Amino acid sequence: MESYSEAFVSQLAQQAYDGDATFPIVASRCALIVIDMQEEFVRPGWTPFWVPAATAAVPRIRELIERCRALGVPVIYTAFGGTNHFLDRPKCGSAMPNRYPGLEVGHDDWFREGRIVPELAPASGELVLLKPSYGAFYDTPLETILKNLGRDTVIICGTLTNFCCGTTARQAYERGFQVVFGSDVNATDDEQLHRAELKTLRKGFARVMSGREIGEALAASRAAHAGV
């Protein structure tokens, strides 16, 4: 039986963290999921949940959305909203420190309507799924919608990288979807954790690319399919 040294397995792990998934990106099989680019996270200074990096990512996300629309790739939005009188939330959620209990937050206007910021407003006919927790597949019809659209690859952008976006990537992977995760079209509240999440997703869950690289790959796929 072959034996592996600690140095060898450590090197192997690092190579995997820096590696790339090998599945192709085919526009006709993709859907873009725009995670929680809503006012509570993106509108500057409105809530203590504001993610400045998400605000900065808006132009790049808009570019990717427009590219997907032009190529016929469905765009699906998610947001936190006031679903089911908030009874569909994980029960221990209110005990988590990211609810900022010391600030006594809980403004009646927050996380009810799930309003996407105007710069990224959904086009006519595009879906906005209100979700009760981090992952977009939890207690939502997203999986059924993707299957009915004939899409087996999801492209993920939005906020927060290491919460809703990363959880959605994991849920998609475990449901058999190919996952493309945008390195600069996802954002969080800590750059170090953003980079760490990208490394984790790259190793075992997703193909990680910049927004521009994703757009170029989609366009190349469409051109190849058209015989251009």
C-alpha atoms as a PDB file:
ATOM      1  CA  MET A   1       0.000   0.000   0.000  1.00  0.00           C
ATOM      2  CA  GLU A   2       1.387   3.379  -1.038  1.00  0.00           C
ATOM      3  CA  SER A   3       2.358   5.794   1.736  1.00  0.00           C
ATOM      4  CA  TYR A   4       2.022   9.576   1.514  1.00  0.00           C
ATOM      5  CA  SER A   5       4.126  12.026   3.501  1.00  0.00           C
ATOM      6  CA  GLU A   6       2.645  14.947   5.410  1.00  0.00           C
ATOM      7  CA  ALA A   7       4.494  17.355   3.113  1.00  0.00           C
ATOM      8  CA  PHE A   8       3.055  15.653   0.036  1.00  0.00           C
ATOM      9  CA  VAL A   9      -0.578  15.727   1.196  1.00  0.00           C
ATOM     10  CA  SER A  10      -0.175  19.349   2.323  1.00  0.00           C
ATOM     11  CA  GLN A  11       1.143  20.289  -1.107  1.00  0.00           C
ATOM     12  CA  LEU A  12      -1.680  18.347  -2.753  1.00  0.00           C
ATOM     13  CA  ALA A  13      -4.295  20.193  -0.665  1.00  0.00           C
ATOM     14  CA  GLN A  14      -2.793  23.565  -1.550  1.00  0.00           C
ATOM     15  CA  GLN A  15      -2.834  22.694  -5.248  1.00  0.00           C
ATOM     16  CA  ALA A  16      -6.529  21.850  -4.935  1.00  0.00           C
ATOM     17  CA  TYR A  17      -7.278  25.168  -3.188  1.00  0.00           C
ATOM     18  CA  ASP A  18      -5.642  26.943  -6.122  1.00  0.00           C
ATOM     19  CA  GLY A  19      -7.126  24.679  -8.790  1.00  0.00           C
ATOM     20  CA  ASP A  20     -10.063  24.989 -11.150  1.00  0.00           C
ATOM     21  CA  ALA A  21     -13.136  22.852 -11.753  1.00  0.00           C
ATOM     22  CA  THR A  22     -13.080  21.249 -15.182  1.00  0.00           C
ATOM     23  CA  PHE A  23     -16.724  21.400 -16.276  1.00  0.00           C
ATOM     24  CA  PRO A  24     -17.530  23.619 -19.292  1.00  0.00           C
ATOM     25  CA  ILE A  25     -19.688  26.731 -19.135  1.00  0.00           C
ATOM     26  CA  VAL A  26     -22.537  26.389 -21.644  1.00  0.00           C
ATOM     27  CA  ALA A  27     -24.840  29.397 -21.873  1.00  0.00           C
ATOM     28  CA  SER A  28     -27.924  27.351 -22.742  1.00  0.00           C
ATOM     29  CA  ARG A  29     -27.488  25.362 -19.519  1.00  0.00           C
ATOM     30  CA  CYS A  30     -26.845  28.328 -17.191  1.00  0.00           C
ATOM     31  CA  ALA A  31     -28.946  30.553 -14.969  1.00  0.00           C
ATOM     32  CA  LEU A  32     -27.686  33.602 -13.085  1.00  0.00           C
ATOM     33  CA  ILE A  33     -28.672  33.822  -9.416  1.00  0.00           C
ATOM     34  CA  VAL A  34     -28.392  37.341  -7.975  1.00  0.00           C
ATOM     35  CA  ILE A  35     -28.290  36.920  -4.210  1.00  0.00           C
ATOM     36  CA  ASP A  36     -29.759  39.562  -1.880  1.00  0.00           C
ATOM     37  CA  MET A  37     -28.677  42.736  -3.653  1.00  0.00           C
ATOM     38  CA  GLN A  38     -31.410  44.507  -1.734  1.00  0.00           C
ATOM     39  CA  GLU A  39     -31.491  47.901  -0.102  1.00  0.00           C
ATOM     40  CA  GLU A  40     -30.767  46.656   3.423  1.00  0.00           C
ATOM     41  CA  PHE A  41     -27.364  45.346   2.315  1.00  0.00           C
ATOM     42  CA  VAL A  42     -26.507  47.690  -0.545  1.00  0.00           C
ATOM     43  CA  ARG A  43     -28.021  51.114   0.162  1.00  0.00           C
ATOM     44  CA  PRO A  44     -25.268  53.109   1.924  1.00  0.00           C
ATOM     45  CA  GLY A  45     -25.821  53.809   5.600  1.00  0.00           C
ATOM     46  CA  TRP A  46     -29.493  52.799   5.737  1.00  0.00           C
ATOM     47  CA  THR A  47     -29.063  49.827   8.092  1.00  0.00           C
ATOM     48  CA  PRO A  48     -26.260  48.362  10.225  1.00  0.00           C
ATOM     49  CA  PHE A  49     -26.359  45.416   7.787  1.00  0.00           C
ATOM     50  CA  TRP A  50     -24.925  47.542   4.956  1.00  0.00           C
ATOM     51  CA  VAL A  51     -22.082  45.811   3.099  1.00  0.00           C
ATOM     52  CA  PRO A  52     -19.929  48.549   1.497  1.00  0.00           C
ATOM     53  CA  ALA A  53     -18.169  46.022  -0.730  1.00  0.00           C
ATOM     54  CA  ALA A  54     -21.559  44.992  -2.138  1.00  0.00           C
ATOM     55  CA  THR A  55     -22.270  48.609  -3.059  1.00  0.00           C
ATOM     56  CA  ALA A  56     -18.894  48.790  -4.796  1.00  0.00           C
ATOM     57  CA  ALA A  57     -19.674  45.578  -6.729  1.00  0.00           C
ATOM     58  CA  VAL A  58     -22.926  46.917  -8.227  1.00  0.00           C
ATOM     59  CA  PRO A  59     -21.396  48.044 -11.575  1.00  0.00           C
ATOM     60  CA  ARG A  60     -19.702  44.661 -12.094  1.00  0.00           C
ATOM     61  CA  ILE A  61     -22.873  42.776 -11.187  1.00  0.00           C
ATOM     62  CA  ARG A  62     -24.910  44.991 -13.517  1.00  0.00           C
ATOM     63  CA  GLU A  63     -22.482  44.226 -16.349  1.00  0.00           C
ATOM     64  CA  LEU A  64     -22.869  40.486 -15.738  1.00  0.00           C
ATOM     65  CA  ILE A  65     -26.665  40.731 -15.555  1.00  0.00           C
ATOM     66  CA  GLU A  66     -26.788  42.648 -18.835  1.00  0.00           C
ATOM     67  CA  ARG A  67     -24.492  40.121 -20.515  1.00  0.00           C
ATOM     68  CA  CYS A  68     -26.696  37.248 -19.342  1.00  0.00           C
ATOM     69  CA  ARG A  69     -29.858  38.957 -20.569  1.00  0.00           C
ATOM     70  CA  ALA A  70     -28.294  39.578 -23.970  1.00  0.00           C
ATOM     71  CA  LEU A  71     -27.329  35.900 -24.232  1.00  0.00           C
ATOM     72  CA  GLY A  72     -30.679  34.533 -23.109  1.00  0.00           C
ATOM     73  CA  VAL A  73     -29.407  33.300 -19.737  1.00  0.00           C
ATOM     74  CA  PRO A  74     -32.261  33.498 -17.175  1.00  0.00           C
ATOM     75  CA  VAL A  75     -31.684  35.914 -14.292  1.00  0.00           C
ATOM     76  CA  ILE A  76     -33.241  34.997 -10.946  1.00  0.00           C
ATOM     77  CA  TYR A  77     -33.062  37.263  -7.899  1.00  0.00           C
ATOM     78  CA  THR A  78     -33.341  36.411  -4.223  1.00  0.00           C
ATOM     79  CA  ALA A  79     -34.011  38.630  -1.227  1.00  0.00           C
ATOM     80  CA  PHE A  80     -34.944  38.431   2.417  1.00  0.00           C
ATOM     81  CA  GLY A  81     -38.553  39.483   2.893  1.00  0.00           C
ATOM     82  CA  GLY A  82     -41.458  39.233   5.300  1.00  0.00           C
ATOM     83  CA  THR A  83     -42.654  35.760   4.338  1.00  0.00           C
ATOM     84  CA  ASN A  84     -45.160  33.770   6.402  1.00  0.00           C
ATOM     85  CA  HIS A  85     -45.147  36.236   9.290  1.00  0.00           C
ATOM     86  CA  PHE A  86     -41.467  35.330   9.781  1.00  0.00           C
ATOM     87  CA  LEU A  87     -42.506  31.891  11.076  1.00  0.00           C
ATOM     88  CA  ASP A  88     -40.446  30.126   8.391  1.00  0.00           C
ATOM     89  CA  ARG A  89     -37.112  31.324   9.812  1.00  0.00           C
ATOM     90  CA  PRO A  90     -34.658  28.919  11.457  1.00  0.00           C
ATOM     91  CA  LYS A  91     -35.662  29.005  15.107  1.00  0.00           C
ATOM     92  CA  CYS A  92     -32.233  29.811  16.531  1.00  0.00           C
ATOM     93  CA  GLY A  93     -31.616  32.699  14.115  1.00  0.00           C
ATOM     94  CA  SER A  94     -32.480  35.403  16.619  1.00  0.00           C
ATOM     95  CA  ALA A  95     -29.767  34.079  18.950  1.00  0.00           C
ATOM     96  CA  MET A  96     -26.982  34.678  16.425  1.00  0.00           C
ATOM     97  CA  PRO A  97     -24.608  37.626  16.981  1.00  0.00           C
ATOM     98  CA  ASN A  98     -25.114  38.858  13.420  1.00  0.00           C
ATOM     99  CA  ARG A  99     -28.528  40.129  14.546  1.00  0.00           C
ATOM    100  CA  TYR A 100     -26.624  42.783  16.533  1.00  0.00           C
ATOM    101  CA  PRO A 101     -28.708  42.542  19.732  1.00  0.00           C
ATOM    102  CA  GLY A 102     -26.706  45.341  21.385  1.00  0.00           C
ATOM    103  CA  LEU A 103     -28.001  47.806  18.775  1.00  0.00           C
ATOM    104  CA  GLU A 104     -31.624  46.848  19.349  1.00  0.00           C
ATOM    105  CA  VAL A 105     -32.164  46.667  15.603  1.00  0.00           C
ATOM    106  CA  GLY A 106     -35.487  45.625  14.144  1.00  0.00           C
ATOM    107  CA  HIS A 107     -36.783  48.571  12.156  1.00  0.00           C
ATOM    108  CA  ASP A 108     -40.225  47.776  10.730  1.00  0.00           C
ATOM    109  CA  ASP A 109     -39.147  48.818   7.237  1.00  0.00           C
ATOM    110  CA  TRP A 110     -36.211  46.387   7.039  1.00  0.00           C
ATOM    111  CA  PHE A 111     -36.252  42.943   5.444  1.00  0.00           C
ATOM    112  CA  ARG A 112     -39.945  43.000   4.605  1.00  0.00           C
ATOM    113  CA  GLU A 113     -40.381  43.899   0.951  1.00  0.00           C
ATOM    114  CA  GLY A 114     -37.040  42.620  -0.324  1.00  0.00           C
ATOM    115  CA  ARG A 115     -36.489  45.617  -2.614  1.00  0.00           C
ATOM    116  CA  ILE A 116     -33.618  45.110  -5.058  1.00  0.00           C
ATOM    117  CA  VAL A 117     -31.512  48.253  -5.473  1.00  0.00           C
ATOM    118  CA  PRO A 118     -32.660  50.316  -8.484  1.00  0.00           C
ATOM    119  CA  GLU A 119     -29.343  49.920 -10.327  1.00  0.00           C
ATOM    120  CA  LEU A 120     -29.970  46.159 -10.528  1.00  0.00           C
ATOM    121  CA  ALA A 121     -33.747  46.213 -10.857  1.00  0.00           C
ATOM    122  CA  PRO A 122     -35.269  43.012 -12.255  1.00  0.00           C
ATOM    123  CA  ALA A 123     -36.522  43.223 -15.815  1.00  0.00           C
ATOM    124  CA  SER A 124     -40.115  42.394 -16.678  1.00  0.00           C
ATOM    125  CA  GLY A 125     -40.716  38.677 -16.168  1.00  0.00           C
ATOM    126  CA  GLU A 126     -37.631  38.049 -14.029  1.00  0.00           C
ATOM    127  CA  LEU A 127     -38.310  36.245 -10.774  1.00  0.00           C
ATOM    128  CA  VAL A 128     -37.558  37.547  -7.282  1.00  0.00           C
ATOM    129  CA  LEU A 129     -37.635  34.706  -4.747  1.00  0.00           C
ATOM    130  CA  LEU A 130     -38.073  35.729  -1.123  1.00  0.00           C
ATOM    131  CA  LYS A 131     -36.111  33.340   1.070  1.00  0.00           C
ATOM    132  CA  PRO A 132     -36.241  32.748   4.825  1.00  0.00           C
ATOM    133  CA  SER A 133     -32.586  31.935   5.470  1.00  0.00           C
ATOM    134  CA  TYR A 134     -29.103  32.055   3.986  1.00  0.00           C
ATOM    135  CA  GLY A 135     -29.253  29.526   1.163  1.00  0.00           C
ATOM    136  CA  ALA A 136     -31.487  30.216  -1.831  1.00  0.00           C
ATOM    137  CA  PHE A 137     -32.612  26.570  -2.024  1.00  0.00           C
ATOM    138  CA  TYR A 138     -33.886  26.382   1.563  1.00  0.00           C
ATOM    139  CA  ASP A 139     -37.721  26.388   1.606  1.00  0.00           C
ATOM    140  CA  THR A 140     -37.947  27.983  -1.854  1.00  0.00           C
ATOM    141  CA  PRO A 141     -38.968  26.605  -5.283  1.00  0.00           C
ATOM    142  CA  LEU A 142     -35.577  27.441  -6.818  1.00  0.00           C
ATOM    143  CA  GLU A 143     -34.588  23.846  -7.606  1.00  0.00           C
ATOM    144  CA  THR A 144     -37.905  23.144  -9.344  1.00  0.00           C
ATOM    145  CA  ILE A 145     -37.669  26.404 -11.296  1.00  0.00           C
ATOM    146  CA  LEU A 146     -34.155  25.593 -12.539  1.00  0.00           C
ATOM    147  CA  LYS A 147     -35.177  22.090 -13.590  1.00  0.00           C
ATOM    148  CA  ASN A 148     -38.224  23.410 -15.432  1.00  0.00           C
ATOM    149  CA  LEU A 149     -35.960  25.869 -17.236  1.00  0.00           C
ATOM    150  CA  GLY A 150     -33.641  23.006 -18.197  1.00  0.00           C
ATOM    151  CA  ARG A 151     -30.675  24.604 -16.413  1.00  0.00           C
ATOM    152  CA  ASP A 152     -28.077  22.477 -14.654  1.00  0.00           C
ATOM    153  CA  THR A 153     -25.465  25.209 -14.052  1.00  0.00           C
ATOM    154  CA  VAL A 154     -25.898  28.161 -11.698  1.00  0.00           C
ATOM    155  CA  ILE A 155     -23.820  31.322 -11.747  1.00  0.00           C
ATOM    156  CA  ILE A 156     -23.805  33.010  -8.351  1.00  0.00           C
ATOM    157  CA  CYS A 157     -23.273  36.687  -7.598  1.00  0.00           C
ATOM    158  CA  GLY A 158     -24.381  38.988  -4.797  1.00  0.00           C
ATOM    159  CA  THR A 159     -23.882  39.287  -1.048  1.00  0.00           C
ATOM    160  CA  LEU A 160     -22.644  38.049   1.396  1.00  0.00           C
ATOM    161  CA  THR A 161     -19.903  35.858  -0.039  1.00  0.00           C
ATOM    162  CA  ASN A 162     -19.448  33.665   3.034  1.00  0.00           C
ATOM    163  CA  PHE A 163     -23.097  33.528   4.108  1.00  0.00           C
ATOM    164  CA  CYS A 164     -25.949  33.557   1.588  1.00  0.00           C
ATOM    165  CA  CYS A 165     -23.822  33.234  -1.550  1.00  0.00           C
ATOM    166  CA  GLY A 166     -21.522  30.512  -0.254  1.00  0.00           C
ATOM    167  CA  THR A 167     -24.405  28.606   1.328  1.00  0.00           C
ATOM    168  CA  THR A 168     -26.312  28.731  -1.962  1.00  0.00           C
ATOM    169  CA  ALA A 169     -23.242  27.419  -3.803  1.00  0.00           C
ATOM    170  CA  ARG A 170     -23.000  24.477  -1.410  1.00  0.00           C
ATOM    171  CA  GLN A 171     -26.709  23.727  -1.638  1.00  0.00           C
ATOM    172  CA  ALA A 172     -26.564  23.827  -5.436  1.00  0.00           C
ATOM    173  CA  TYR A 173     -23.540  21.516  -5.517  1.00  0.00           C
ATOM    174  CA  GLU A 174     -25.253  19.003  -3.227  1.00  0.00           C
ATOM    175  CA  ARG A 175     -28.321  19.017  -5.490  1.00  0.00           C
ATOM    176  CA  GLY A 176     -26.252  18.088  -8.524  1.00  0.00           C
ATOM    177  CA  PHE A 177     -25.889  21.514 -10.125  1.00  0.00           C
ATOM    178  CA  GLN A 178     -22.634  22.785 -11.582  1.00  0.00           C
ATOM    179  CA  VAL A 179     -21.701  25.990  -9.774  1.00  0.00           C
ATOM    180  CA  VAL A 180     -19.895  29.036 -11.148  1.00  0.00           C
ATOM    181  CA  PHE A 181     -19.005  31.561  -8.446  1.00  0.00           C
ATOM    182  CA  GLY A 182     -17.955  35.117  -9.232  1.00  0.00           C
ATOM    183  CA  SER A 183     -14.788  36.240  -7.473  1.00  0.00           C
ATOM    184  CA  ASP A 184     -15.459  39.973  -7.877  1.00  0.00           C
ATOM    185  CA  VAL A 185     -19.256  39.951  -8.225  1.00  0.00           C
ATOM    186  CA  ASN A 186     -19.742  38.525  -4.752  1.00  0.00           C
ATOM    187  CA  ALA A 187     -18.996  40.663  -1.709  1.00  0.00           C
ATOM    188  CA  THR A 188     -18.900  40.451   2.067  1.00  0.00           C
ATOM    189  CA  ASP A 189     -18.040  42.511   5.131  1.00  0.00           C
ATOM    190  CA  ASP A 190     -14.494  41.162   5.576  1.00  0.00           C
ATOM    191  CA  GLU A 191     -12.067  40.894   2.668  1.00  0.00           C
ATOM    192  CA  GLN A 192     -10.051  38.198   4.409  1.00  0.00           C
ATOM    193  CA  LEU A 193     -13.127  36.014   4.804  1.00  0.00           C
ATOM    194  CA  HIS A 194     -14.099  36.728   1.189  1.00  0.00           C
ATOM    195  CA  ARG A 195     -10.772  35.326  -0.001  1.00  0.00           C
ATOM    196  CA  ALA A 196     -11.003  32.346   2.343  1.00  0.00           C
ATOM    197  CA  GLU A 197     -14.484  31.485   1.092  1.00  0.00           C
ATOM    198  CA  LEU A 198     -13.337  31.662  -2.520  1.00  0.00           C
ATOM    199  CA  LYS A 199     -10.524  29.215  -1.738  1.00  0.00           C
ATOM    200  CA  THR A 200     -12.915  26.792  -0.044  1.00  0.00           C
ATOM    201  CA  LEU A 201     -15.458  26.951  -2.851  1.00  0.00           C
ATOM    202  CA  ARG A 202     -12.727  26.591  -5.471  1.00  0.00           C
ATOM    203  CA  LYS A 203     -11.399  23.427  -3.831  1.00  0.00           C
ATOM    204  CA  GLY A 204     -14.627  21.499  -3.534  1.00  0.00           C
ATOM    205  CA  PHE A 205     -17.787  23.227  -4.731  1.00  0.00           C
ATOM    206  CA  ALA A 206     -17.466  25.637  -7.646  1.00  0.00           C
ATOM    207  CA  ARG A 207     -15.617  27.037 -10.600  1.00  0.00           C
ATOM    208  CA  VAL A 208     -14.416  30.458  -9.425  1.00  0.00           C
ATOM    209  CA  MET A 209     -14.012  33.224 -12.031  1.00  0.00           C
ATOM    210  CA  SER A 210     -14.269  36.984 -12.287  1.00  0.00           C
ATOM    211  CA  GLY A 211     -17.482  38.502 -13.574  1.00  0.00           C
ATOM    212  CA  ARG A 212     -15.818  39.479 -16.828  1.00  0.00           C
ATOM    213  CA  GLU A 213     -14.404  35.976 -17.315  1.00  0.00           C
ATOM    214  CA  ILE A 214     -17.858  34.516 -16.760  1.00  0.00           C
ATOM    215  CA  GLY A 215     -19.368  36.873 -19.323  1.00  0.00           C
ATOM    216  CA  GLU A 216     -16.677  36.043 -21.867  1.00  0.00           C
ATOM    217  CA  ALA A 217     -17.119  32.304 -21.334  1.00  0.00           C
ATOM    218  CA  LEU A 218     -20.879  32.607 -21.823  1.00  0.00           C
ATOM    219  CA  ALA A 219     -20.422  34.635 -25.016  1.00  0.00           C
ATOM    220  CA  ALA A 220     -17.851  32.176 -26.373  1.00  0.00           C
ATOM    221  CA  SER A 221     -20.213  29.296 -25.663  1.00  0.00           C
ATOM    222  CA  ARG A 222     -23.073  31.001 -27.463  1.00  0.00           C
ATOM    223  CA  ALA A 223     -20.854  31.834 -30.438  1.00  0.00           C
ATOM    224  CA  ALA A 224     -19.588  28.247 -30.657  1.00  0.00           C
ATOM    225  CA  HIS A 225     -23.150  26.910 -30.508  1.00  0.00           C
ATOM    226  CA  ALA A 226     -24.160  29.290 -33.287  1.00  0.00           C
ATOM    227  CA  GLY A 227     -21.199  28.194 -35.378  1.00  0.00           C
ATOM    228  CA  VAL A 228     -19.631  31.662 -35.364  1.00  0.00           C
END
